[in-house]
Amino acid sequence: MLQQLVQELVDVYGYPKSEIQTRPQFTIPSSPSGSNKYPVDIAVFERDLKIVCECKKPNVKLGRKQLETYLRNCPAKFGIWTNGEERLILEKIENFQGIDFKEVNNIPPRGI
């Protein structure tokens, strides 16, 4: 799962492997001031953290909750969750009311 998603990020979306971190796992704080950290399976950078990816076995509902937590506590704008059979992509939308999430069909290719 992990290797397939990394290959897709490279081949389909144009992110070079040098901008993709899998080991050591990139960590995200559990809260803005929290000392606990969540390790993410894949972190994609384009100047800054752009996409976080989780390859897990739970269902979509649990995957969405996990992605929303990660995206609230990091600068990434997109999150991908997959269990190998299902996939969820969220876009983080920040506005004057706070943070919202929108399900989208794709992530933007590198440079967009």
PDB file of N, CA and C in Angstrom:
ATOM      1  N   MET A   1       0.813  -1.192   0.000  1.00  0.00           N
ATOM      2  CA  MET A   1       0.000   0.000   0.000  1.00  0.00           C
ATOM      3  C   MET A   1       0.861   1.263   0.000  1.00  0.00           C
ATOM      4  N   LEU A   2       1.770   1.343   0.945  1.00  0.00           N
ATOM      5  CA  LEU A   2       2.625   2.515   1.097  1.00  0.00           C
ATOM      6  C   LEU A   2       3.453   2.744  -0.166  1.00  0.00           C
ATOM      7  N   GLN A   3       4.116   1.701  -0.639  1.00  0.00           N
ATOM      8  CA  GLN A   3       4.968   1.836  -1.823  1.00  0.00           C
ATOM      9  C   GLN A   3       4.152   2.186  -3.062  1.00  0.00           C
ATOM     10  N   GLN A   4       2.947   1.623  -3.168  1.00  0.00           N
ATOM     11  CA  GLN A   4       2.084   1.932  -4.313  1.00  0.00           C
ATOM     12  C   GLN A   4       1.673   3.399  -4.309  1.00  0.00           C
ATOM     13  N   LEU A   5       1.348   3.924  -3.136  1.00  0.00           N
ATOM     14  CA  LEU A   5       0.942   5.322  -3.043  1.00  0.00           C
ATOM     15  C   LEU A   5       2.128   6.248  -3.334  1.00  0.00           C
ATOM     16  N   VAL A   6       3.298   5.920  -2.843  1.00  0.00           N
ATOM     17  CA  VAL A   6       4.493   6.720  -3.147  1.00  0.00           C
ATOM     18  C   VAL A   6       4.735   6.724  -4.652  1.00  0.00           C
ATOM     19  N   GLN A   7       4.635   5.571  -5.285  1.00  0.00           N
ATOM     20  CA  GLN A   7       4.849   5.483  -6.737  1.00  0.00           C
ATOM     21  C   GLN A   7       3.814   6.312  -7.492  1.00  0.00           C
ATOM     22  N   GLU A   8       2.584   6.304  -7.030  1.00  0.00           N
ATOM     23  CA  GLU A   8       1.526   7.123  -7.656  1.00  0.00           C
ATOM     24  C   GLU A   8       1.833   8.609  -7.498  1.00  0.00           C
ATOM     25  N   LEU A   9       2.290   9.017  -6.320  1.00  0.00           N
ATOM     26  CA  LEU A   9       2.652  10.418  -6.104  1.00  0.00           C
ATOM     27  C   LEU A   9       3.741  10.861  -7.067  1.00  0.00           C
ATOM     28  N   VAL A  10       4.676   9.973  -7.374  1.00  0.00           N
ATOM     29  CA  VAL A  10       5.773  10.276  -8.290  1.00  0.00           C
ATOM     30  C   VAL A  10       5.289  10.237  -9.740  1.00  0.00           C
ATOM     31  N   ASP A  11       4.697   9.117 -10.149  1.00  0.00           N
ATOM     32  CA  ASP A  11       4.347   8.896 -11.558  1.00  0.00           C
ATOM     33  C   ASP A  11       3.151   9.708 -12.041  1.00  0.00           C
ATOM     34  N   VAL A  12       2.117   9.822 -11.218  1.00  0.00           N
ATOM     35  CA  VAL A  12       0.880  10.477 -11.643  1.00  0.00           C
ATOM     36  C   VAL A  12       0.881  11.970 -11.315  1.00  0.00           C
ATOM     37  N   TYR A  13       1.344  12.316 -10.116  1.00  0.00           N
ATOM     38  CA  TYR A  13       1.228  13.690  -9.648  1.00  0.00           C
ATOM     39  C   TYR A  13       2.517  14.502  -9.776  1.00  0.00           C
ATOM     40  N   GLY A  14       3.627  13.866 -10.131  1.00  0.00           N
ATOM     41  CA  GLY A  14       4.862  14.582 -10.428  1.00  0.00           C
ATOM     42  C   GLY A  14       5.703  15.018  -9.247  1.00  0.00           C
ATOM     43  N   TYR A  15       5.468  14.446  -8.074  1.00  0.00           N
ATOM     44  CA  TYR A  15       6.295  14.794  -6.915  1.00  0.00           C
ATOM     45  C   TYR A  15       7.569  13.959  -6.939  1.00  0.00           C
ATOM     46  N   PRO A  16       8.737  14.604  -6.913  1.00  0.00           N
ATOM     47  CA  PRO A  16       9.976  13.831  -6.894  1.00  0.00           C
ATOM     48  C   PRO A  16      10.143  13.105  -5.556  1.00  0.00           C
ATOM     49  N   LYS A  17      10.816  11.975  -5.595  1.00  0.00           N
ATOM     50  CA  LYS A  17      11.025  11.197  -4.365  1.00  0.00           C
ATOM     51  C   LYS A  17      11.736  12.012  -3.290  1.00  0.00           C
ATOM     52  N   SER A  18      12.526  12.992  -3.706  1.00  0.00           N
ATOM     53  CA  SER A  18      13.247  13.823  -2.738  1.00  0.00           C
ATOM     54  C   SER A  18      12.297  14.705  -1.912  1.00  0.00           C
ATOM     55  N   GLU A  19      11.059  14.876  -2.358  1.00  0.00           N
ATOM     56  CA  GLU A  19      10.070  15.675  -1.630  1.00  0.00           C
ATOM     57  C   GLU A  19       9.087  14.806  -0.855  1.00  0.00           C
ATOM     58  N   ILE A  20       9.324  13.497  -0.853  1.00  0.00           N
ATOM     59  CA  ILE A  20       8.426  12.557  -0.183  1.00  0.00           C
ATOM     60  C   ILE A  20       9.183  11.893   0.957  1.00  0.00           C
ATOM     61  N   GLN A  21       8.643  11.977   2.164  1.00  0.00           N
ATOM     62  CA  GLN A  21       9.293  11.382   3.334  1.00  0.00           C
ATOM     63  C   GLN A  21       8.443  10.245   3.895  1.00  0.00           C
ATOM     64  N   THR A  22       9.073   9.064   3.972  1.00  0.00           N
ATOM     65  CA  THR A  22       8.421   7.911   4.599  1.00  0.00           C
ATOM     66  C   THR A  22       9.214   7.425   5.808  1.00  0.00           C
ATOM     67  N   ARG A  23      10.524   7.492   5.760  1.00  0.00           N
ATOM     68  CA  ARG A  23      11.396   7.081   6.851  1.00  0.00           C
ATOM     69  C   ARG A  23      12.501   8.097   7.016  1.00  0.00           C
ATOM     70  N   PRO A  24      12.768   8.575   8.203  1.00  0.00           N
ATOM     71  CA  PRO A  24      11.949   8.365   9.391  1.00  0.00           C
ATOM     72  C   PRO A  24      10.591   9.035   9.185  1.00  0.00           C
ATOM     73  N   GLN A  25       9.589   8.533   9.879  1.00  0.00           N
ATOM     74  CA  GLN A  25       8.256   9.085   9.718  1.00  0.00           C
ATOM     75  C   GLN A  25       8.205  10.526  10.214  1.00  0.00           C
ATOM     76  N   PHE A  26       7.589  11.379   9.412  1.00  0.00           N
ATOM     77  CA  PHE A  26       7.355  12.763   9.801  1.00  0.00           C
ATOM     78  C   PHE A  26       6.310  12.761  10.916  1.00  0.00           C
ATOM     79  N   THR A  27       6.464  13.623  11.905  1.00  0.00           N
ATOM     80  CA  THR A  27       5.499  13.648  13.003  1.00  0.00           C
ATOM     81  C   THR A  27       4.755  14.977  13.049  1.00  0.00           C
ATOM     82  N   ILE A  28       3.502  14.894  13.497  1.00  0.00           N
ATOM     83  CA  ILE A  28       2.617  16.038  13.622  1.00  0.00           C
ATOM     84  C   ILE A  28       2.206  16.139  15.087  1.00  0.00           C
ATOM     85  N   PRO A  29       2.222  17.349  15.667  1.00  0.00           N
ATOM     86  CA  PRO A  29       1.776  17.477  17.060  1.00  0.00           C
ATOM     87  C   PRO A  29       0.322  17.033  17.225  1.00  0.00           C
ATOM     88  N   SER A  30      -0.003  16.469  18.373  1.00  0.00           N
ATOM     89  CA  SER A  30      -1.367  16.013  18.634  1.00  0.00           C
ATOM     90  C   SER A  30      -2.324  17.175  18.875  1.00  0.00           C
ATOM     91  N   SER A  31      -1.780  18.335  19.190  1.00  0.00           N
ATOM     92  CA  SER A  31      -2.556  19.560  19.343  1.00  0.00           C
ATOM     93  C   SER A  31      -1.589  20.723  19.132  1.00  0.00           C
ATOM     94  N   PRO A  32      -2.109  21.935  18.925  1.00  0.00           N
ATOM     95  CA  PRO A  32      -1.195  23.070  18.683  1.00  0.00           C
ATOM     96  C   PRO A  32      -0.131  23.250  19.760  1.00  0.00           C
ATOM     97  N   SER A  33      -0.467  22.939  20.996  1.00  0.00           N
ATOM     98  CA  SER A  33       0.523  23.091  22.073  1.00  0.00           C
ATOM     99  C   SER A  33       0.921  21.748  22.678  1.00  0.00           C
ATOM    100  N   GLY A  34       0.495  20.652  22.051  1.00  0.00           N
ATOM    101  CA  GLY A  34       0.733  19.321  22.600  1.00  0.00           C
ATOM    102  C   GLY A  34       2.149  18.825  22.424  1.00  0.00           C
ATOM    103  N   SER A  35       2.595  18.038  23.370  1.00  0.00           N
ATOM    104  CA  SER A  35       3.934  17.456  23.271  1.00  0.00           C
ATOM    105  C   SER A  35       3.884  16.071  22.619  1.00  0.00           C
ATOM    106  N   ASN A  36       2.713  15.434  22.602  1.00  0.00           N
ATOM    107  CA  ASN A  36       2.573  14.155  21.904  1.00  0.00           C
ATOM    108  C   ASN A  36       2.575  14.392  20.408  1.00  0.00           C
ATOM    109  N   LYS A  37       3.079  13.411  19.680  1.00  0.00           N
ATOM    110  CA  LYS A  37       3.160  13.559  18.229  1.00  0.00           C
ATOM    111  C   LYS A  37       2.611  12.323  17.545  1.00  0.00           C
ATOM    112  N   TYR A  38       1.978  12.548  16.364  1.00  0.00           N
ATOM    113  CA  TYR A  38       1.471  11.475  15.527  1.00  0.00           C
ATOM    114  C   TYR A  38       2.434  11.249  14.365  1.00  0.00           C
ATOM    115  N   PRO A  39       2.916  10.037  14.165  1.00  0.00           N
ATOM    116  CA  PRO A  39       3.739   9.762  12.981  1.00  0.00           C
ATOM    117  C   PRO A  39       2.837   9.511  11.773  1.00  0.00           C
ATOM    118  N   VAL A  40       3.146  10.131  10.654  1.00  0.00           N
ATOM    119  CA  VAL A  40       2.374   9.900   9.431  1.00  0.00           C
ATOM    120  C   VAL A  40       3.170   8.992   8.497  1.00  0.00           C
ATOM    121  N   ASP A  41       2.452   8.180   7.720  1.00  0.00           N
ATOM    122  CA  ASP A  41       3.121   7.226   6.838  1.00  0.00           C
ATOM    123  C   ASP A  41       3.875   7.900   5.709  1.00  0.00           C
ATOM    124  N   ILE A  42       3.262   8.920   5.111  1.00  0.00           N
ATOM    125  CA  ILE A  42       3.889   9.635   3.995  1.00  0.00           C
ATOM    126  C   ILE A  42       3.661  11.128   4.191  1.00  0.00           C
ATOM    127  N   ALA A  43       4.728  11.907   4.079  1.00  0.00           N
ATOM    128  CA  ALA A  43       4.641  13.367   4.101  1.00  0.00           C
ATOM    129  C   ALA A  43       5.193  13.873   2.769  1.00  0.00           C
ATOM    130  N   VAL A  44       4.439  14.745   2.109  1.00  0.00           N
ATOM    131  CA  VAL A  44       4.849  15.288   0.816  1.00  0.00           C
ATOM    132  C   VAL A  44       5.086  16.789   0.999  1.00  0.00           C
ATOM    133  N   PHE A  45       6.262  17.221   0.583  1.00  0.00           N
ATOM    134  CA  PHE A  45       6.655  18.615   0.737  1.00  0.00           C
ATOM    135  C   PHE A  45       6.753  19.296  -0.619  1.00  0.00           C
ATOM    136  N   GLU A  46       6.376  20.559  -0.634  1.00  0.00           N
ATOM    137  CA  GLU A  46       6.628  21.436  -1.777  1.00  0.00           C
ATOM    138  C   GLU A  46       6.861  22.803  -1.156  1.00  0.00           C
ATOM    139  N   ARG A  47       8.093  23.081  -0.828  1.00  0.00           N
ATOM    140  CA  ARG A  47       8.513  24.204   0.012  1.00  0.00           C
ATOM    141  C   ARG A  47       8.150  23.951   1.474  1.00  0.00           C
ATOM    142  N   ASP A  48       6.908  23.587   1.761  1.00  0.00           N
ATOM    143  CA  ASP A  48       6.424  23.291   3.110  1.00  0.00           C
ATOM    144  C   ASP A  48       5.637  21.983   3.021  1.00  0.00           C
ATOM    145  N   LEU A  49       5.190  21.502   4.134  1.00  0.00           N
ATOM    146  CA  LEU A  49       4.377  20.288   4.138  1.00  0.00           C
ATOM    147  C   LEU A  49       3.089  20.547   3.365  1.00  0.00           C
ATOM    148  N   LYS A  50       2.814  19.746   2.335  1.00  0.00           N
ATOM    149  CA  LYS A  50       1.652  19.956   1.468  1.00  0.00           C
ATOM    150  C   LYS A  50       0.599  18.862   1.620  1.00  0.00           C
ATOM    151  N   ILE A  51       1.048  17.602   1.761  1.00  0.00           N
ATOM    152  CA  ILE A  51       0.131  16.460   1.800  1.00  0.00           C
ATOM    153  C   ILE A  51       0.593  15.487   2.879  1.00  0.00           C
ATOM    154  N   VAL A  52      -0.354  14.993   3.678  1.00  0.00           N
ATOM    155  CA  VAL A  52      -0.068  13.905   4.616  1.00  0.00           C
ATOM    156  C   VAL A  52      -0.887  12.697   4.179  1.00  0.00           C
ATOM    157  N   CYS A  53      -0.290  11.514   4.294  1.00  0.00           N
ATOM    158  CA  CYS A  53      -0.948  10.291   3.854  1.00  0.00           C
ATOM    159  C   CYS A  53      -0.867   9.235   4.946  1.00  0.00           C
ATOM    160  N   GLU A  54      -1.968   8.537   5.116  1.00  0.00           N
ATOM    161  CA  GLU A  54      -2.044   7.439   6.069  1.00  0.00           C
ATOM    162  C   GLU A  54      -2.516   6.181   5.351  1.00  0.00           C
ATOM    163  N   CYS A  55      -1.793   5.116   5.525  1.00  0.00           N
ATOM    164  CA  CYS A  55      -2.140   3.813   4.943  1.00  0.00           C
ATOM    165  C   CYS A  55      -2.479   2.889   6.106  1.00  0.00           C
ATOM    166  N   LYS A  56      -3.752   2.769   6.385  1.00  0.00           N
ATOM    167  CA  LYS A  56      -4.202   2.016   7.553  1.00  0.00           C
ATOM    168  C   LYS A  56      -5.330   1.065   7.192  1.00  0.00           C
ATOM    169  N   LYS A  57      -5.651   0.172   8.134  1.00  0.00           N
ATOM    170  CA  LYS A  57      -6.715  -0.789   7.926  1.00  0.00           C
ATOM    171  C   LYS A  57      -8.096  -0.345   8.386  1.00  0.00           C
ATOM    172  N   PRO A  58      -8.233   0.666   9.269  1.00  0.00           N
ATOM    173  CA  PRO A  58      -9.578   1.033   9.720  1.00  0.00           C
ATOM    174  C   PRO A  58     -10.484   1.450   8.557  1.00  0.00           C
ATOM    175  N   ASN A  59     -11.743   1.649   8.874  1.00  0.00           N
ATOM    176  CA  ASN A  59     -12.699   2.045   7.854  1.00  0.00           C
ATOM    177  C   ASN A  59     -12.590   3.530   7.521  1.00  0.00           C
ATOM    178  N   VAL A  60     -13.354   3.955   6.528  1.00  0.00           N
ATOM    179  CA  VAL A  60     -13.295   5.335   6.056  1.00  0.00           C
ATOM    180  C   VAL A  60     -13.649   6.325   7.167  1.00  0.00           C
ATOM    181  N   LYS A  61     -14.623   6.000   7.991  1.00  0.00           N
ATOM    182  CA  LYS A  61     -15.037   6.908   9.066  1.00  0.00           C
ATOM    183  C   LYS A  61     -13.867   7.185  10.013  1.00  0.00           C
ATOM    184  N   LEU A  62     -13.152   6.140  10.420  1.00  0.00           N
ATOM    185  CA  LEU A  62     -11.987   6.319  11.294  1.00  0.00           C
ATOM    186  C   LEU A  62     -10.849   7.023  10.555  1.00  0.00           C
ATOM    187  N   GLY A  63     -10.686   6.692   9.276  1.00  0.00           N
ATOM    188  CA  GLY A  63      -9.652   7.344   8.468  1.00  0.00           C
ATOM    189  C   GLY A  63      -9.889   8.838   8.342  1.00  0.00           C
ATOM    190  N   ARG A  64     -11.143   9.224   8.128  1.00  0.00           N
ATOM    191  CA  ARG A  64     -11.474  10.646   8.011  1.00  0.00           C
ATOM    192  C   ARG A  64     -11.174  11.380   9.315  1.00  0.00           C
ATOM    193  N   LYS A  65     -11.563  10.787  10.431  1.00  0.00           N
ATOM    194  CA  LYS A  65     -11.311  11.409  11.733  1.00  0.00           C
ATOM    195  C   LYS A  65      -9.810  11.613  11.945  1.00  0.00           C
ATOM    196  N   GLN A  66      -9.029  10.605  11.605  1.00  0.00           N
ATOM    197  CA  GLN A  66      -7.577  10.677  11.748  1.00  0.00           C
ATOM    198  C   GLN A  66      -7.001  11.784  10.860  1.00  0.00           C
ATOM    199  N   LEU A  67      -7.429  11.835   9.593  1.00  0.00           N
ATOM    200  CA  LEU A  67      -6.930  12.872   8.686  1.00  0.00           C
ATOM    201  C   LEU A  67      -7.291  14.268   9.175  1.00  0.00           C
ATOM    202  N   GLU A  68      -8.514  14.447   9.642  1.00  0.00           N
ATOM    203  CA  GLU A  68      -8.922  15.761  10.132  1.00  0.00           C
ATOM    204  C   GLU A  68      -8.055  16.199  11.310  1.00  0.00           C
ATOM    205  N   THR A  69      -7.739  15.284  12.202  1.00  0.00           N
ATOM    206  CA  THR A  69      -6.862  15.598  13.333  1.00  0.00           C
ATOM    207  C   THR A  69      -5.488  16.026  12.829  1.00  0.00           C
ATOM    208  N   TYR A  70      -4.923  15.254  11.905  1.00  0.00           N
ATOM    209  CA  TYR A  70      -3.608  15.597  11.360  1.00  0.00           C
ATOM    210  C   TYR A  70      -3.637  16.967  10.691  1.00  0.00           C
ATOM    211  N   LEU A  71      -4.631  17.196   9.835  1.00  0.00           N
ATOM    212  CA  LEU A  71      -4.678  18.437   9.075  1.00  0.00           C
ATOM    213  C   LEU A  71      -4.915  19.659   9.961  1.00  0.00           C
ATOM    214  N   ARG A  72      -5.623  19.504  11.058  1.00  0.00           N
ATOM    215  CA  ARG A  72      -5.841  20.625  11.985  1.00  0.00           C
ATOM    216  C   ARG A  72      -4.532  21.079  12.636  1.00  0.00           C
ATOM    217  N   ASN A  73      -3.591  20.154  12.773  1.00  0.00           N
ATOM    218  CA  ASN A  73      -2.384  20.427  13.550  1.00  0.00           C
ATOM    219  C   ASN A  73      -1.108  20.550  12.729  1.00  0.00           C
ATOM    220  N   CYS A  74      -1.260  20.728  11.421  1.00  0.00           N
ATOM    221  CA  CYS A  74      -0.076  20.893  10.573  1.00  0.00           C
ATOM    222  C   CYS A  74      -0.410  21.815   9.410  1.00  0.00           C
ATOM    223  N   PRO A  75       0.595  22.292   8.690  1.00  0.00           N
ATOM    224  CA  PRO A  75       0.334  23.215   7.580  1.00  0.00           C
ATOM    225  C   PRO A  75      -0.150  22.545   6.286  1.00  0.00           C
ATOM    226  N   ALA A  76      -0.185  21.220   6.227  1.00  0.00           N
ATOM    227  CA  ALA A  76      -0.607  20.535   4.995  1.00  0.00           C
ATOM    228  C   ALA A  76      -2.015  20.943   4.606  1.00  0.00           C
ATOM    229  N   LYS A  77      -2.244  21.050   3.310  1.00  0.00           N
ATOM    230  CA  LYS A  77      -3.559  21.433   2.791  1.00  0.00           C
ATOM    231  C   LYS A  77      -4.382  20.221   2.365  1.00  0.00           C
ATOM    232  N   PHE A  78      -3.716  19.079   2.132  1.00  0.00           N
ATOM    233  CA  PHE A  78      -4.411  17.874   1.679  1.00  0.00           C
ATOM    234  C   PHE A  78      -4.019  16.675   2.519  1.00  0.00           C
ATOM    235  N   GLY A  79      -4.955  15.747   2.654  1.00  0.00           N
ATOM    236  CA  GLY A  79      -4.701  14.496   3.344  1.00  0.00           C
ATOM    237  C   GLY A  79      -5.288  13.345   2.556  1.00  0.00           C
ATOM    238  N   ILE A  80      -4.543  12.243   2.502  1.00  0.00           N
ATOM    239  CA  ILE A  80      -5.006  11.031   1.823  1.00  0.00           C
ATOM    240  C   ILE A  80      -5.011   9.906   2.843  1.00  0.00           C
ATOM    241  N   TRP A  81      -6.113   9.168   2.884  1.00  0.00           N
ATOM    242  CA  TRP A  81      -6.205   7.957   3.693  1.00  0.00           C
ATOM    243  C   TRP A  81      -6.587   6.816   2.764  1.00  0.00           C
ATOM    244  N   THR A  82      -5.934   5.681   2.943  1.00  0.00           N
ATOM    245  CA  THR A  82      -6.300   4.501   2.173  1.00  0.00           C
ATOM    246  C   THR A  82      -6.051   3.254   3.006  1.00  0.00           C
ATOM    247  N   ASN A  83      -6.851   2.238   2.754  1.00  0.00           N
ATOM    248  CA  ASN A  83      -6.612   0.932   3.361  1.00  0.00           C
ATOM    249  C   ASN A  83      -6.288  -0.101   2.278  1.00  0.00           C
ATOM    250  N   GLY A  84      -5.987   0.390   1.080  1.00  0.00           N
ATOM    251  CA  GLY A  84      -5.676  -0.488  -0.040  1.00  0.00           C
ATOM    252  C   GLY A  84      -6.873  -0.778  -0.922  1.00  0.00           C
ATOM    253  N   GLU A  85      -8.065  -0.672  -0.352  1.00  0.00           N
ATOM    254  CA  GLU A  85      -9.282  -0.900  -1.122  1.00  0.00           C
ATOM    255  C   GLU A  85     -10.088   0.386  -1.277  1.00  0.00           C
ATOM    256  N   GLU A  86     -10.137   1.172  -0.219  1.00  0.00           N
ATOM    257  CA  GLU A  86     -10.868   2.433  -0.228  1.00  0.00           C
ATOM    258  C   GLU A  86      -9.877   3.581  -0.104  1.00  0.00           C
ATOM    259  N   ARG A  87     -10.315   4.757  -0.574  1.00  0.00           N
ATOM    260  CA  ARG A  87      -9.461   5.941  -0.500  1.00  0.00           C
ATOM    261  C   ARG A  87     -10.313   7.155  -0.190  1.00  0.00           C
ATOM    262  N   LEU A  88      -9.762   8.025   0.635  1.00  0.00           N
ATOM    263  CA  LEU A  88     -10.410   9.277   0.978  1.00  0.00           C
ATOM    264  C   LEU A  88      -9.374  10.380   0.829  1.00  0.00           C
ATOM    265  N   ILE A  89      -9.746  11.461   0.155  1.00  0.00           N
ATOM    266  CA  ILE A  89      -8.868  12.623   0.015  1.00  0.00           C
ATOM    267  C   ILE A  89      -9.621  13.820   0.568  1.00  0.00           C
ATOM    268  N   LEU A  90      -8.998  14.520   1.509  1.00  0.00           N
ATOM    269  CA  LEU A  90      -9.585  15.711   2.110  1.00  0.00           C
ATOM    270  C   LEU A  90      -8.747  16.935   1.776  1.00  0.00           C
ATOM    271  N   GLU A  91      -9.427  18.030   1.504  1.00  0.00           N
ATOM    272  CA  GLU A  91      -8.781  19.330   1.348  1.00  0.00           C
ATOM    273  C   GLU A  91      -9.135  20.164   2.571  1.00  0.00           C
ATOM    274  N   LYS A  92      -8.127  20.757   3.190  1.00  0.00           N
ATOM    275  CA  LYS A  92      -8.344  21.630   4.348  1.00  0.00           C
ATOM    276  C   LYS A  92      -8.668  23.029   3.843  1.00  0.00           C
ATOM    277  N   ILE A  93      -9.756  23.571   4.352  1.00  0.00           N
ATOM    278  CA  ILE A  93     -10.174  24.913   3.970  1.00  0.00           C
ATOM    279  C   ILE A  93     -10.193  25.773   5.237  1.00  0.00           C
ATOM    280  N   GLU A  94      -9.297  26.746   5.273  1.00  0.00           N
ATOM    281  CA  GLU A  94      -9.215  27.647   6.422  1.00  0.00           C
ATOM    282  C   GLU A  94      -9.947  28.937   6.087  1.00  0.00           C
ATOM    283  N   ASN A  95     -10.827  29.357   6.984  1.00  0.00           N
ATOM    284  CA  ASN A  95     -11.549  30.599   6.777  1.00  0.00           C
ATOM    285  C   ASN A  95     -11.706  31.321   8.117  1.00  0.00           C
ATOM    286  N   PHE A  96     -12.407  32.434   8.118  1.00  0.00           N
ATOM    287  CA  PHE A  96     -12.532  33.231   9.343  1.00  0.00           C
ATOM    288  C   PHE A  96     -13.290  32.492  10.445  1.00  0.00           C
ATOM    289  N   GLN A  97     -14.028  31.441  10.099  1.00  0.00           N
ATOM    290  CA  GLN A  97     -14.768  30.673  11.106  1.00  0.00           C
ATOM    291  C   GLN A  97     -13.948  29.509  11.672  1.00  0.00           C
ATOM    292  N   GLY A  98     -12.818  29.225  11.066  1.00  0.00           N
ATOM    293  CA  GLY A  98     -11.990  28.113  11.524  1.00  0.00           C
ATOM    294  C   GLY A  98     -11.544  27.243  10.364  1.00  0.00           C
ATOM    295  N   ILE A  99     -11.550  25.947  10.587  1.00  0.00           N
ATOM    296  CA  ILE A  99     -11.086  24.989   9.583  1.00  0.00           C
ATOM    297  C   ILE A  99     -12.233  24.069   9.204  1.00  0.00           C
ATOM    298  N   ASP A 100     -12.436  23.914   7.906  1.00  0.00           N
ATOM    299  CA  ASP A 100     -13.411  22.972   7.362  1.00  0.00           C
ATOM    300  C   ASP A 100     -12.672  21.985   6.476  1.00  0.00           C
ATOM    301  N   PHE A 101     -13.349  20.891   6.145  1.00  0.00           N
ATOM    302  CA  PHE A 101     -12.763  19.870   5.280  1.00  0.00           C
ATOM    303  C   PHE A 101     -13.730  19.534   4.162  1.00  0.00           C
ATOM    304  N   LYS A 102     -13.170  19.365   2.976  1.00  0.00           N
ATOM    305  CA  LYS A 102     -13.968  19.042   1.801  1.00  0.00           C
ATOM    306  C   LYS A 102     -13.411  17.772   1.169  1.00  0.00           C
ATOM    307  N   GLU A 103     -14.277  16.807   0.902  1.00  0.00           N
ATOM    308  CA  GLU A 103     -13.846  15.612   0.182  1.00  0.00           C
ATOM    309  C   GLU A 103     -13.632  15.990  -1.267  1.00  0.00           C
ATOM    310  N   VAL A 104     -12.486  15.592  -1.797  1.00  0.00           N
ATOM    311  CA  VAL A 104     -12.162  15.860  -3.202  1.00  0.00           C
ATOM    312  C   VAL A 104     -11.766  14.559  -3.887  1.00  0.00           C
ATOM    313  N   ASN A 105     -11.772  14.581  -5.216  1.00  0.00           N
ATOM    314  CA  ASN A 105     -11.455  13.366  -5.974  1.00  0.00           C
ATOM    315  C   ASN A 105      -9.965  13.174  -6.206  1.00  0.00           C
ATOM    316  N   ASN A 106      -9.186  14.267  -6.142  1.00  0.00           N
ATOM    317  CA  ASN A 106      -7.766  14.204  -6.461  1.00  0.00           C
ATOM    318  C   ASN A 106      -6.992  15.243  -5.675  1.00  0.00           C
ATOM    319  N   ILE A 107      -5.698  15.027  -5.600  1.00  0.00           N
ATOM    320  CA  ILE A 107      -4.799  16.039  -5.059  1.00  0.00           C
ATOM    321  C   ILE A 107      -4.233  16.799  -6.244  1.00  0.00           C
ATOM    322  N   PRO A 108      -3.765  18.021  -6.023  1.00  0.00           N
ATOM    323  CA  PRO A 108      -3.169  18.760  -7.144  1.00  0.00           C
ATOM    324  C   PRO A 108      -1.797  18.186  -7.490  1.00  0.00           C
ATOM    325  N   PRO A 109      -1.445  18.217  -8.778  1.00  0.00           N
ATOM    326  CA  PRO A 109      -0.100  17.796  -9.140  1.00  0.00           C
ATOM    327  C   PRO A 109       0.926  18.800  -8.608  1.00  0.00           C
ATOM    328  N   ARG A 110       2.165  18.393  -8.593  1.00  0.00           N
ATOM    329  CA  ARG A 110       3.238  19.270  -8.118  1.00  0.00           C
ATOM    330  C   ARG A 110       3.219  20.581  -8.909  1.00  0.00           C
ATOM    331  N   GLY A 111       3.417  21.671  -8.208  1.00  0.00           N
ATOM    332  CA  GLY A 111       3.470  22.978  -8.855  1.00  0.00           C
ATOM    333  C   GLY A 111       2.150  23.716  -8.889  1.00  0.00           C
ATOM    334  N   ILE A 112       1.084  23.061  -8.474  1.00  0.00           N
ATOM    335  CA  ILE A 112      -0.248  23.710  -8.492  1.00  0.00           C
ATOM    336  C   ILE A 112      -0.767  23.823  -7.080  1.00  0.00           C
TER     337      ILE A 112
END
